[in-house]
């Protein structure tokens, strides 16, 4: 038996069809989200913010970006020298895989 609302729209008995459509939509959205995350993971990770470190932390290679992300670099390396020169400034650090390595 099919029922109609006062506006002429049909009401299906037992919400099985509606529930199945919602489930398929949910699964589709989850797959799209996971695919997007996989693509983003392959492209790298970028952090932007103010670079902070005390003198001792900078000497030892410890740097913080906006007090949320800690970066540890090898003291004496080119990256270490670059980061030490930019303590207190806004920076953007991108970490990505090296496409030439296996």
C-alpha atoms as a PDB file:
ATOM      1  CA  UNK A   1       0.000   0.000   0.000  1.00  0.00           C
ATOM      2  CA  UNK A   2       1.326   3.452  -0.905  1.00  0.00           C
ATOM      3  CA  UNK A   3       0.470   6.523   1.110  1.00  0.00           C
ATOM      4  CA  UNK A   4       0.473  10.117  -0.040  1.00  0.00           C
ATOM      5  CA  UNK A   5       1.096  13.262   1.965  1.00  0.00           C
ATOM      6  CA  UNK A   6      -1.226  16.236   1.769  1.00  0.00           C
ATOM      7  CA  UNK A   7       1.020  17.765  -0.934  1.00  0.00           C
ATOM      8  CA  UNK A   8       0.810  14.770  -3.226  1.00  0.00           C
ATOM      9  CA  UNK A   9       4.272  13.319  -2.554  1.00  0.00           C
ATOM     10  CA  UNK A  10       4.560   9.607  -2.179  1.00  0.00           C
ATOM     11  CA  UNK A  11       5.688   7.987   1.080  1.00  0.00           C
ATOM     12  CA  UNK A  12       7.388   4.635   0.667  1.00  0.00           C
ATOM     13  CA  UNK A  13       6.531   1.973   3.190  1.00  0.00           C
ATOM     14  CA  UNK A  14       9.529   0.677   5.131  1.00  0.00           C
ATOM     15  CA  UNK A  15      12.500   3.031   4.666  1.00  0.00           C
ATOM     16  CA  UNK A  16      14.677   0.290   3.131  1.00  0.00           C
ATOM     17  CA  UNK A  17      15.180   2.033  -0.201  1.00  0.00           C
ATOM     18  CA  UNK A  18      15.977   5.370   1.434  1.00  0.00           C
ATOM     19  CA  UNK A  19      18.363   3.729   3.884  1.00  0.00           C
ATOM     20  CA  UNK A  20      20.148   1.902   1.056  1.00  0.00           C
ATOM     21  CA  UNK A  21      20.562   5.151  -0.926  1.00  0.00           C
ATOM     22  CA  UNK A  22      22.000   6.883   2.135  1.00  0.00           C
ATOM     23  CA  UNK A  23      24.380   3.986   2.725  1.00  0.00           C
ATOM     24  CA  UNK A  24      25.603   4.066  -0.894  1.00  0.00           C
ATOM     25  CA  UNK A  25      26.066   7.843  -0.658  1.00  0.00           C
ATOM     26  CA  UNK A  26      28.022   7.474   2.584  1.00  0.00           C
ATOM     27  CA  UNK A  27      30.307   4.816   1.093  1.00  0.00           C
ATOM     28  CA  UNK A  28      30.882   6.955  -2.021  1.00  0.00           C
ATOM     29  CA  UNK A  29      31.829   9.979   0.092  1.00  0.00           C
ATOM     30  CA  UNK A  30      34.180   7.862   2.213  1.00  0.00           C
ATOM     31  CA  UNK A  31      35.928   6.515  -0.896  1.00  0.00           C
ATOM     32  CA  UNK A  32      36.324  10.042  -2.298  1.00  0.00           C
ATOM     33  CA  UNK A  33      37.731  11.285   0.999  1.00  0.00           C
ATOM     34  CA  UNK A  34      40.221   8.428   1.257  1.00  0.00           C
ATOM     35  CA  UNK A  35      41.275   8.906  -2.366  1.00  0.00           C
ATOM     36  CA  UNK A  36      41.863  12.603  -1.732  1.00  0.00           C
ATOM     37  CA  UNK A  37      43.940  11.818   1.343  1.00  0.00           C
ATOM     38  CA  UNK A  38      46.033   9.311  -0.616  1.00  0.00           C
ATOM     39  CA  UNK A  39      46.732  11.866  -3.341  1.00  0.00           C
ATOM     40  CA  UNK A  40      47.639  14.505  -0.758  1.00  0.00           C
ATOM     41  CA  UNK A  41      49.981  12.086   1.010  1.00  0.00           C
ATOM     42  CA  UNK A  42      51.861  11.461  -2.225  1.00  0.00           C
ATOM     43  CA  UNK A  43      52.261  15.170  -2.916  1.00  0.00           C
ATOM     44  CA  UNK A  44      53.738  16.035   0.472  1.00  0.00           C
ATOM     45  CA  UNK A  45      52.873  17.872   3.649  1.00  0.00           C
ATOM     46  CA  UNK A  46      53.104  21.651   4.117  1.00  0.00           C
ATOM     47  CA  UNK A  47      53.235  23.556   7.404  1.00  0.00           C
ATOM     48  CA  UNK A  48      53.042  27.351   7.512  1.00  0.00           C
ATOM     49  CA  UNK A  49      53.584  29.546  10.548  1.00  0.00           C
ATOM     50  CA  UNK A  50      55.983  31.516  12.687  1.00  0.00           C
ATOM     51  CA  UNK A  51      59.274  29.709  13.291  1.00  0.00           C
ATOM     52  CA  UNK A  52      60.326  29.687  16.920  1.00  0.00           C
ATOM     53  CA  UNK A  53      63.275  28.356  18.910  1.00  0.00           C
ATOM     54  CA  UNK A  54      65.386  29.416  21.867  1.00  0.00           C
ATOM     55  CA  UNK A  55      69.116  29.846  21.221  1.00  0.00           C
ATOM     56  CA  UNK A  56      69.854  26.436  22.750  1.00  0.00           C
ATOM     57  CA  UNK A  57      67.050  24.717  20.798  1.00  0.00           C
ATOM     58  CA  UNK A  58      68.272  26.293  17.551  1.00  0.00           C
ATOM     59  CA  UNK A  59      71.856  25.144  18.248  1.00  0.00           C
ATOM     60  CA  UNK A  60      70.609  21.590  18.832  1.00  0.00           C
ATOM     61  CA  UNK A  61      68.366  21.634  15.729  1.00  0.00           C
ATOM     62  CA  UNK A  62      64.933  21.885  17.389  1.00  0.00           C
ATOM     63  CA  UNK A  63      62.477  24.334  15.796  1.00  0.00           C
ATOM     64  CA  UNK A  64      58.760  24.891  16.394  1.00  0.00           C
ATOM     65  CA  UNK A  65      56.221  26.233  13.898  1.00  0.00           C
ATOM     66  CA  UNK A  66      53.384  28.064  15.682  1.00  0.00           C
ATOM     67  CA  UNK A  67      53.889  25.932  18.808  1.00  0.00           C
ATOM     68  CA  UNK A  68      52.070  23.092  17.037  1.00  0.00           C
ATOM     69  CA  UNK A  69      54.736  21.365  14.971  1.00  0.00           C
ATOM     70  CA  UNK A  70      58.256  20.484  16.056  1.00  0.00           C
ATOM     71  CA  UNK A  71      60.930  20.047  13.399  1.00  0.00           C
ATOM     72  CA  UNK A  72      64.244  18.410  14.239  1.00  0.00           C
ATOM     73  CA  UNK A  73      67.112  18.888  11.804  1.00  0.00           C
ATOM     74  CA  UNK A  74      70.749  17.809  11.818  1.00  0.00           C
ATOM     75  CA  UNK A  75      72.919  20.573  13.297  1.00  0.00           C
ATOM     76  CA  UNK A  76      75.355  21.955  10.742  1.00  0.00           C
ATOM     77  CA  UNK A  77      73.254  20.969   7.719  1.00  0.00           C
ATOM     78  CA  UNK A  78      72.112  23.461   5.073  1.00  0.00           C
ATOM     79  CA  UNK A  79      68.522  23.227   6.372  1.00  0.00           C
ATOM     80  CA  UNK A  80      69.738  23.897   9.925  1.00  0.00           C
ATOM     81  CA  UNK A  81      71.579  27.044   8.794  1.00  0.00           C
ATOM     82  CA  UNK A  82      68.519  28.193   6.820  1.00  0.00           C
ATOM     83  CA  UNK A  83      66.114  27.686   9.738  1.00  0.00           C
ATOM     84  CA  UNK A  84      68.428  29.338  12.293  1.00  0.00           C
ATOM     85  CA  UNK A  85      68.534  32.463  10.125  1.00  0.00           C
ATOM     86  CA  UNK A  86      64.723  32.627  10.030  1.00  0.00           C
ATOM     87  CA  UNK A  87      63.759  32.186  13.692  1.00  0.00           C
ATOM     88  CA  UNK A  88      60.954  34.665  14.453  1.00  0.00           C
ATOM     89  CA  UNK A  89      59.805  34.897  10.827  1.00  0.00           C
ATOM     90  CA  UNK A  90      56.831  33.275   9.075  1.00  0.00           C
ATOM     91  CA  UNK A  91      57.960  30.260   7.060  1.00  0.00           C
ATOM     92  CA  UNK A  92      56.400  27.526   4.957  1.00  0.00           C
ATOM     93  CA  UNK A  93      58.003  24.095   5.184  1.00  0.00           C
ATOM     94  CA  UNK A  94      57.006  21.385   2.710  1.00  0.00           C
ATOM     95  CA  UNK A  95      57.976  17.767   3.258  1.00  0.00           C
ATOM     96  CA  UNK A  96      57.675  15.478   0.267  1.00  0.00           C
ATOM     97  CA  UNK A  97      59.169  12.272  -1.019  1.00  0.00           C
ATOM     98  CA  UNK A  98      62.179  12.442  -3.286  1.00  0.00           C
ATOM     99  CA  UNK A  99      60.973  11.301  -6.698  1.00  0.00           C
ATOM    100  CA  UNK A 100      64.456  10.150  -7.719  1.00  0.00           C
ATOM    101  CA  UNK A 101      64.898   7.749  -4.770  1.00  0.00           C
ATOM    102  CA  UNK A 102      63.437   4.247  -4.574  1.00  0.00           C
END
